[in-house]
Amino acid sequence: MARIRFDFGTLSLDAELLDTPTAKAIAAALPFSASVLTWGEEVYFDVPVKVKREQDARAVVTPGEVSYWPEGPAIALGFGRTPISEGNETRLASPCNVFGRVLGDVKQLAKVKAGTKIKVSAIS
């Protein structure tokens, strides 16, 4: 399984990619950089990839799932409640393609502030 690294400067998280069209498109575009935005307990950032919404796209994700937001296009890393969450769920703005899983403690993303630079790269 391919792996990628999200490097926020003071924090880095590794993720394992799933075998999906979105994961393949993201992997093919690596490396890339962006500026982070936040929305409740979600970190997201623009990506240079355009992929259609997959059949199993969903708005409610498990913290640590790596998601692609087609309307962005952006990668979304939900780690808790967002402004539209119901109860304790992690609800993204609209259905996203889940294409990976963070291997570390995704709650560390609470330290990441809007405007932080992120570099996404492949790791072996």
N, C-alpha and C. Protein backbone atom coordinates (compact mmCIF):
# COMPACT_ATOMS: atom_id res chain seq x y z
N MET A 1 0.85 -1.18 0.00
CA MET A 1 0.00 0.00 0.00
C MET A 1 0.89 1.24 0.00
N ALA A 2 0.62 2.18 -0.87
CA ALA A 2 1.41 3.41 -0.95
C ALA A 2 1.15 4.29 0.27
N ARG A 3 2.15 5.05 0.63
CA ARG A 3 2.02 5.97 1.76
C ARG A 3 2.41 7.38 1.34
N ILE A 4 1.78 8.35 2.01
CA ILE A 4 2.10 9.75 1.78
C ILE A 4 2.34 10.43 3.13
N ARG A 5 3.03 11.56 3.09
CA ARG A 5 3.30 12.34 4.30
C ARG A 5 2.71 13.73 4.15
N PHE A 6 2.00 14.14 5.19
CA PHE A 6 1.50 15.51 5.31
C PHE A 6 2.45 16.22 6.26
N ASP A 7 3.24 17.18 5.74
CA ASP A 7 4.23 17.89 6.55
C ASP A 7 3.76 19.33 6.76
N PHE A 8 3.37 19.62 8.01
CA PHE A 8 2.89 20.94 8.37
C PHE A 8 3.99 21.80 8.97
N GLY A 9 5.24 21.40 8.85
CA GLY A 9 6.35 22.15 9.42
C GLY A 9 6.67 21.66 10.83
N THR A 10 5.83 21.97 11.80
CA THR A 10 6.06 21.54 13.18
C THR A 10 5.41 20.19 13.47
N LEU A 11 4.67 19.67 12.53
CA LEU A 11 3.95 18.41 12.69
C LEU A 11 3.91 17.69 11.36
N SER A 12 4.13 16.39 11.40
CA SER A 12 3.92 15.62 10.17
C SER A 12 3.15 14.35 10.51
N LEU A 13 2.27 13.98 9.60
CA LEU A 13 1.46 12.77 9.73
C LEU A 13 1.60 11.95 8.46
N ASP A 14 1.72 10.65 8.62
CA ASP A 14 1.78 9.75 7.48
C ASP A 14 0.40 9.11 7.29
N ALA A 15 0.12 8.76 6.06
CA ALA A 15 -1.16 8.12 5.74
C ALA A 15 -0.94 7.00 4.75
N GLU A 16 -1.77 5.99 4.86
CA GLU A 16 -1.75 4.87 3.93
C GLU A 16 -2.87 5.08 2.93
N LEU A 17 -2.56 4.97 1.64
CA LEU A 17 -3.56 5.16 0.60
C LEU A 17 -4.34 3.88 0.34
N LEU A 18 -5.60 4.04 0.02
CA LEU A 18 -6.44 2.93 -0.39
C LEU A 18 -6.26 2.70 -1.88
N ASP A 19 -6.80 1.66 -2.41
CA ASP A 19 -6.72 1.38 -3.85
C ASP A 19 -7.97 1.95 -4.52
N THR A 20 -7.94 3.28 -4.76
CA THR A 20 -9.07 3.96 -5.39
C THR A 20 -8.57 4.85 -6.51
N PRO A 21 -9.46 5.24 -7.45
CA PRO A 21 -9.05 6.17 -8.50
C PRO A 21 -8.55 7.50 -7.92
N THR A 22 -9.17 7.97 -6.85
CA THR A 22 -8.74 9.23 -6.24
C THR A 22 -7.33 9.10 -5.66
N ALA A 23 -7.06 8.01 -4.95
CA ALA A 23 -5.73 7.81 -4.37
C ALA A 23 -4.67 7.77 -5.47
N LYS A 24 -4.98 7.11 -6.58
CA LYS A 24 -4.02 7.04 -7.70
C LYS A 24 -3.77 8.43 -8.30
N ALA A 25 -4.82 9.24 -8.42
CA ALA A 25 -4.67 10.59 -8.98
C ALA A 25 -3.85 11.48 -8.05
N ILE A 26 -4.10 11.38 -6.74
CA ILE A 26 -3.34 12.17 -5.77
C ILE A 26 -1.87 11.74 -5.81
N ALA A 27 -1.62 10.44 -5.78
CA ALA A 27 -0.25 9.93 -5.79
C ALA A 27 0.51 10.39 -7.04
N ALA A 28 -0.17 10.43 -8.18
CA ALA A 28 0.47 10.85 -9.42
C ALA A 28 0.83 12.33 -9.42
N ALA A 29 0.16 13.14 -8.60
CA ALA A 29 0.40 14.58 -8.56
C ALA A 29 1.48 14.98 -7.54
N LEU A 30 1.95 14.04 -6.74
CA LEU A 30 2.92 14.35 -5.69
C LEU A 30 4.28 14.71 -6.25
N PRO A 31 5.06 15.55 -5.56
CA PRO A 31 4.70 16.31 -4.36
C PRO A 31 3.99 17.60 -4.73
N PHE A 32 3.27 18.16 -3.76
CA PHE A 32 2.67 19.48 -3.94
C PHE A 32 2.55 20.17 -2.59
N SER A 33 2.39 21.48 -2.64
CA SER A 33 2.28 22.29 -1.43
C SER A 33 1.03 23.15 -1.51
N ALA A 34 0.57 23.60 -0.34
CA ALA A 34 -0.62 24.44 -0.27
C ALA A 34 -0.63 25.17 1.06
N SER A 35 -1.63 26.02 1.25
CA SER A 35 -1.87 26.68 2.53
C SER A 35 -3.12 26.06 3.14
N VAL A 36 -3.06 25.81 4.43
CA VAL A 36 -4.14 25.15 5.15
C VAL A 36 -5.27 26.11 5.49
N LEU A 37 -6.48 25.59 5.42
CA LEU A 37 -7.66 26.27 5.95
C LEU A 37 -8.24 25.35 7.01
N THR A 38 -9.02 25.91 7.94
CA THR A 38 -9.65 25.09 8.97
C THR A 38 -11.14 25.36 9.00
N TRP A 39 -11.90 24.37 9.44
CA TRP A 39 -13.35 24.46 9.56
C TRP A 39 -13.77 23.56 10.71
N GLY A 40 -13.96 24.15 11.88
CA GLY A 40 -14.18 23.33 13.05
C GLY A 40 -12.97 22.44 13.27
N GLU A 41 -13.21 21.16 13.51
CA GLU A 41 -12.10 20.23 13.70
C GLU A 41 -11.81 19.49 12.39
N GLU A 42 -11.52 20.30 11.38
CA GLU A 42 -11.13 19.80 10.06
C GLU A 42 -10.06 20.72 9.51
N VAL A 43 -9.06 20.12 8.91
CA VAL A 43 -8.01 20.84 8.19
C VAL A 43 -8.20 20.47 6.73
N TYR A 44 -8.18 21.47 5.86
CA TYR A 44 -8.29 21.17 4.43
C TYR A 44 -7.41 22.11 3.63
N PHE A 45 -7.09 21.70 2.40
CA PHE A 45 -6.20 22.49 1.56
C PHE A 45 -6.38 22.09 0.10
N ASP A 46 -6.14 23.07 -0.77
CA ASP A 46 -6.28 22.86 -2.21
C ASP A 46 -5.28 21.83 -2.73
N VAL A 47 -5.72 21.09 -3.75
CA VAL A 47 -4.85 20.12 -4.41
C VAL A 47 -4.93 20.32 -5.92
N PRO A 48 -3.83 20.04 -6.63
CA PRO A 48 -3.80 20.21 -8.09
C PRO A 48 -4.35 18.98 -8.82
N VAL A 49 -5.48 18.48 -8.36
CA VAL A 49 -6.06 17.25 -8.91
C VAL A 49 -7.55 17.47 -9.09
N LYS A 50 -8.09 17.02 -10.23
CA LYS A 50 -9.53 17.05 -10.46
C LYS A 50 -10.01 15.63 -10.66
N VAL A 51 -10.87 15.17 -9.75
CA VAL A 51 -11.43 13.83 -9.80
C VAL A 51 -12.91 13.95 -9.52
N LYS A 52 -13.70 13.12 -10.18
CA LYS A 52 -15.14 13.14 -9.95
C LYS A 52 -15.48 12.46 -8.62
N ARG A 53 -16.64 12.79 -8.11
CA ARG A 53 -17.14 12.14 -6.90
C ARG A 53 -17.31 10.65 -7.18
N GLU A 54 -16.76 9.82 -6.31
CA GLU A 54 -16.87 8.37 -6.48
C GLU A 54 -18.21 7.87 -5.94
N GLN A 55 -18.58 6.67 -6.35
CA GLN A 55 -19.87 6.07 -6.00
C GLN A 55 -20.09 6.02 -4.49
N ASP A 56 -19.03 5.73 -3.73
CA ASP A 56 -19.17 5.57 -2.29
C ASP A 56 -18.76 6.81 -1.49
N ALA A 57 -18.76 7.97 -2.15
CA ALA A 57 -18.42 9.22 -1.45
C ALA A 57 -19.41 9.46 -0.31
N ARG A 58 -18.89 10.07 0.77
CA ARG A 58 -19.77 10.34 1.91
C ARG A 58 -19.31 11.58 2.66
N ALA A 59 -20.26 12.21 3.34
CA ALA A 59 -19.97 13.42 4.11
C ALA A 59 -19.55 13.10 5.54
N VAL A 60 -20.10 12.03 6.12
CA VAL A 60 -19.73 11.65 7.49
C VAL A 60 -18.56 10.67 7.40
N VAL A 61 -17.45 11.05 8.02
CA VAL A 61 -16.24 10.25 7.98
C VAL A 61 -15.79 9.91 9.40
N THR A 62 -14.91 8.96 9.49
CA THR A 62 -14.28 8.60 10.76
C THR A 62 -13.03 9.46 10.90
N PRO A 63 -12.80 10.06 12.08
CA PRO A 63 -11.57 10.84 12.25
C PRO A 63 -10.35 10.03 11.81
N GLY A 64 -9.52 10.67 11.00
CA GLY A 64 -8.33 10.01 10.48
C GLY A 64 -8.46 9.53 9.05
N GLU A 65 -9.70 9.46 8.54
CA GLU A 65 -9.84 9.12 7.13
C GLU A 65 -9.40 10.32 6.29
N VAL A 66 -8.68 10.04 5.22
CA VAL A 66 -8.20 11.09 4.32
C VAL A 66 -9.20 11.19 3.18
N SER A 67 -9.75 12.38 2.99
CA SER A 67 -10.84 12.58 2.03
C SER A 67 -10.49 13.61 0.98
N TYR A 68 -11.05 13.41 -0.19
CA TYR A 68 -10.90 14.37 -1.30
C TYR A 68 -12.26 15.02 -1.52
N TRP A 69 -12.27 16.34 -1.48
CA TRP A 69 -13.49 17.12 -1.66
C TRP A 69 -13.54 17.59 -3.12
N PRO A 70 -14.37 16.98 -3.97
CA PRO A 70 -14.40 17.34 -5.40
C PRO A 70 -14.75 18.80 -5.65
N GLU A 71 -15.59 19.40 -4.81
CA GLU A 71 -15.99 20.79 -5.01
C GLU A 71 -14.85 21.76 -4.76
N GLY A 72 -13.78 21.34 -4.07
CA GLY A 72 -12.65 22.22 -3.76
C GLY A 72 -11.90 22.68 -4.99
N PRO A 73 -11.17 21.83 -5.62
CA PRO A 73 -10.82 20.51 -5.12
C PRO A 73 -9.83 20.63 -3.97
N ALA A 74 -10.03 19.80 -2.94
CA ALA A 74 -9.20 19.87 -1.75
C ALA A 74 -9.11 18.51 -1.07
N ILE A 75 -8.08 18.38 -0.24
CA ILE A 75 -7.99 17.25 0.68
C ILE A 75 -8.53 17.73 2.01
N ALA A 76 -9.39 16.92 2.62
CA ALA A 76 -9.96 17.24 3.92
C ALA A 76 -9.53 16.19 4.93
N LEU A 77 -9.04 16.65 6.07
CA LEU A 77 -8.64 15.78 7.16
C LEU A 77 -9.49 16.12 8.37
N GLY A 78 -10.56 15.38 8.53
CA GLY A 78 -11.45 15.61 9.66
C GLY A 78 -10.95 14.88 10.89
N PHE A 79 -10.92 15.58 12.03
CA PHE A 79 -10.46 14.94 13.26
C PHE A 79 -11.43 15.12 14.42
N GLY A 80 -12.61 15.65 14.12
CA GLY A 80 -13.63 15.85 15.15
C GLY A 80 -14.84 16.55 14.55
N ARG A 81 -15.51 17.33 15.37
CA ARG A 81 -16.75 18.00 14.94
C ARG A 81 -16.47 19.18 14.01
N THR A 82 -17.37 19.37 13.05
CA THR A 82 -17.36 20.55 12.19
C THR A 82 -18.62 21.35 12.50
N PRO A 83 -18.75 22.56 11.96
CA PRO A 83 -19.95 23.36 12.25
C PRO A 83 -21.28 22.70 11.88
N ILE A 84 -21.28 21.70 11.01
CA ILE A 84 -22.54 21.05 10.63
C ILE A 84 -22.67 19.63 11.18
N SER A 85 -21.76 19.24 12.07
CA SER A 85 -21.84 17.91 12.67
C SER A 85 -23.10 17.78 13.52
N GLU A 86 -23.64 16.57 13.54
CA GLU A 86 -24.75 16.23 14.42
C GLU A 86 -24.21 15.28 15.47
N GLY A 87 -24.37 15.63 16.74
CA GLY A 87 -23.78 14.81 17.80
C GLY A 87 -22.27 14.88 17.72
N ASN A 88 -21.62 13.73 17.88
CA ASN A 88 -20.16 13.69 17.87
C ASN A 88 -19.56 13.28 16.53
N GLU A 89 -20.37 13.24 15.48
CA GLU A 89 -19.88 12.81 14.17
C GLU A 89 -18.91 13.83 13.58
N THR A 90 -18.12 13.38 12.62
CA THR A 90 -17.27 14.25 11.80
C THR A 90 -17.95 14.37 10.45
N ARG A 91 -18.60 15.52 10.22
CA ARG A 91 -19.36 15.71 8.98
C ARG A 91 -18.65 16.78 8.13
N LEU A 92 -18.24 16.37 6.93
CA LEU A 92 -17.61 17.29 5.99
C LEU A 92 -18.68 18.09 5.26
N ALA A 93 -18.27 19.13 4.53
CA ALA A 93 -19.22 20.06 3.90
C ALA A 93 -20.16 19.38 2.91
N SER A 94 -19.66 18.37 2.20
CA SER A 94 -20.46 17.62 1.24
C SER A 94 -19.75 16.29 1.02
N PRO A 95 -20.37 15.34 0.30
CA PRO A 95 -19.73 14.03 0.13
C PRO A 95 -18.32 14.12 -0.48
N CYS A 96 -17.44 13.35 0.11
CA CYS A 96 -16.03 13.32 -0.30
C CYS A 96 -15.61 11.89 -0.61
N ASN A 97 -14.58 11.77 -1.43
CA ASN A 97 -13.99 10.47 -1.75
C ASN A 97 -12.97 10.14 -0.65
N VAL A 98 -13.23 9.10 0.12
CA VAL A 98 -12.27 8.66 1.13
C VAL A 98 -11.21 7.84 0.40
N PHE A 99 -9.93 8.26 0.54
CA PHE A 99 -8.89 7.58 -0.23
C PHE A 99 -7.68 7.17 0.60
N GLY A 100 -7.75 7.34 1.92
CA GLY A 100 -6.62 6.95 2.74
C GLY A 100 -6.95 7.02 4.22
N ARG A 101 -5.96 6.67 5.04
CA ARG A 101 -6.13 6.65 6.49
C ARG A 101 -4.85 7.13 7.15
N VAL A 102 -4.97 8.13 8.02
CA VAL A 102 -3.82 8.64 8.77
C VAL A 102 -3.34 7.55 9.72
N LEU A 103 -2.02 7.37 9.82
CA LEU A 103 -1.45 6.31 10.64
C LEU A 103 -1.16 6.77 12.07
N GLY A 104 -1.09 8.07 12.30
CA GLY A 104 -0.77 8.59 13.63
C GLY A 104 -2.00 9.14 14.32
N ASP A 105 -1.76 9.96 15.34
CA ASP A 105 -2.83 10.57 16.12
C ASP A 105 -3.37 11.81 15.40
N VAL A 106 -4.51 11.64 14.74
CA VAL A 106 -5.08 12.72 13.94
C VAL A 106 -5.51 13.91 14.81
N LYS A 107 -5.71 13.71 16.10
CA LYS A 107 -6.10 14.82 17.00
C LYS A 107 -5.00 15.88 17.09
N GLN A 108 -3.77 15.53 16.71
CA GLN A 108 -2.68 16.51 16.68
C GLN A 108 -2.98 17.65 15.72
N LEU A 109 -3.88 17.43 14.77
CA LEU A 109 -4.22 18.48 13.81
C LEU A 109 -4.86 19.70 14.48
N ALA A 110 -5.30 19.56 15.71
CA ALA A 110 -5.87 20.70 16.44
C ALA A 110 -4.84 21.83 16.59
N LYS A 111 -3.55 21.50 16.52
CA LYS A 111 -2.48 22.50 16.64
C LYS A 111 -2.26 23.29 15.36
N VAL A 112 -2.77 22.79 14.24
CA VAL A 112 -2.52 23.41 12.93
C VAL A 112 -3.44 24.61 12.75
N LYS A 113 -2.85 25.74 12.42
CA LYS A 113 -3.61 26.98 12.25
C LYS A 113 -3.81 27.30 10.76
N ALA A 114 -4.90 28.01 10.46
CA ALA A 114 -5.15 28.46 9.08
C ALA A 114 -3.96 29.27 8.60
N GLY A 115 -3.57 29.05 7.34
CA GLY A 115 -2.43 29.75 6.76
C GLY A 115 -1.14 28.96 6.83
N THR A 116 -1.10 27.91 7.64
CA THR A 116 0.08 27.06 7.74
C THR A 116 0.36 26.44 6.38
N LYS A 117 1.63 26.40 6.02
CA LYS A 117 2.02 25.76 4.76
C LYS A 117 2.12 24.25 4.96
N ILE A 118 1.62 23.51 3.98
CA ILE A 118 1.70 22.05 4.03
C ILE A 118 2.38 21.56 2.77
N LYS A 119 3.21 20.53 2.95
CA LYS A 119 3.79 19.84 1.80
C LYS A 119 3.33 18.40 1.87
N VAL A 120 2.84 17.89 0.76
CA VAL A 120 2.39 16.50 0.67
C VAL A 120 3.33 15.76 -0.26
N SER A 121 3.90 14.65 0.21
CA SER A 121 4.87 13.92 -0.60
C SER A 121 4.72 12.42 -0.38
N ALA A 122 5.27 11.67 -1.31
CA ALA A 122 5.27 10.20 -1.21
C ALA A 122 6.36 9.79 -0.25
N ILE A 123 6.13 8.68 0.47
CA ILE A 123 7.17 8.11 1.31
C ILE A 123 7.26 6.62 0.98
N SER A 124 8.44 6.05 1.27
CA SER A 124 8.61 4.64 0.94
C SER A 124 8.54 3.79 2.17
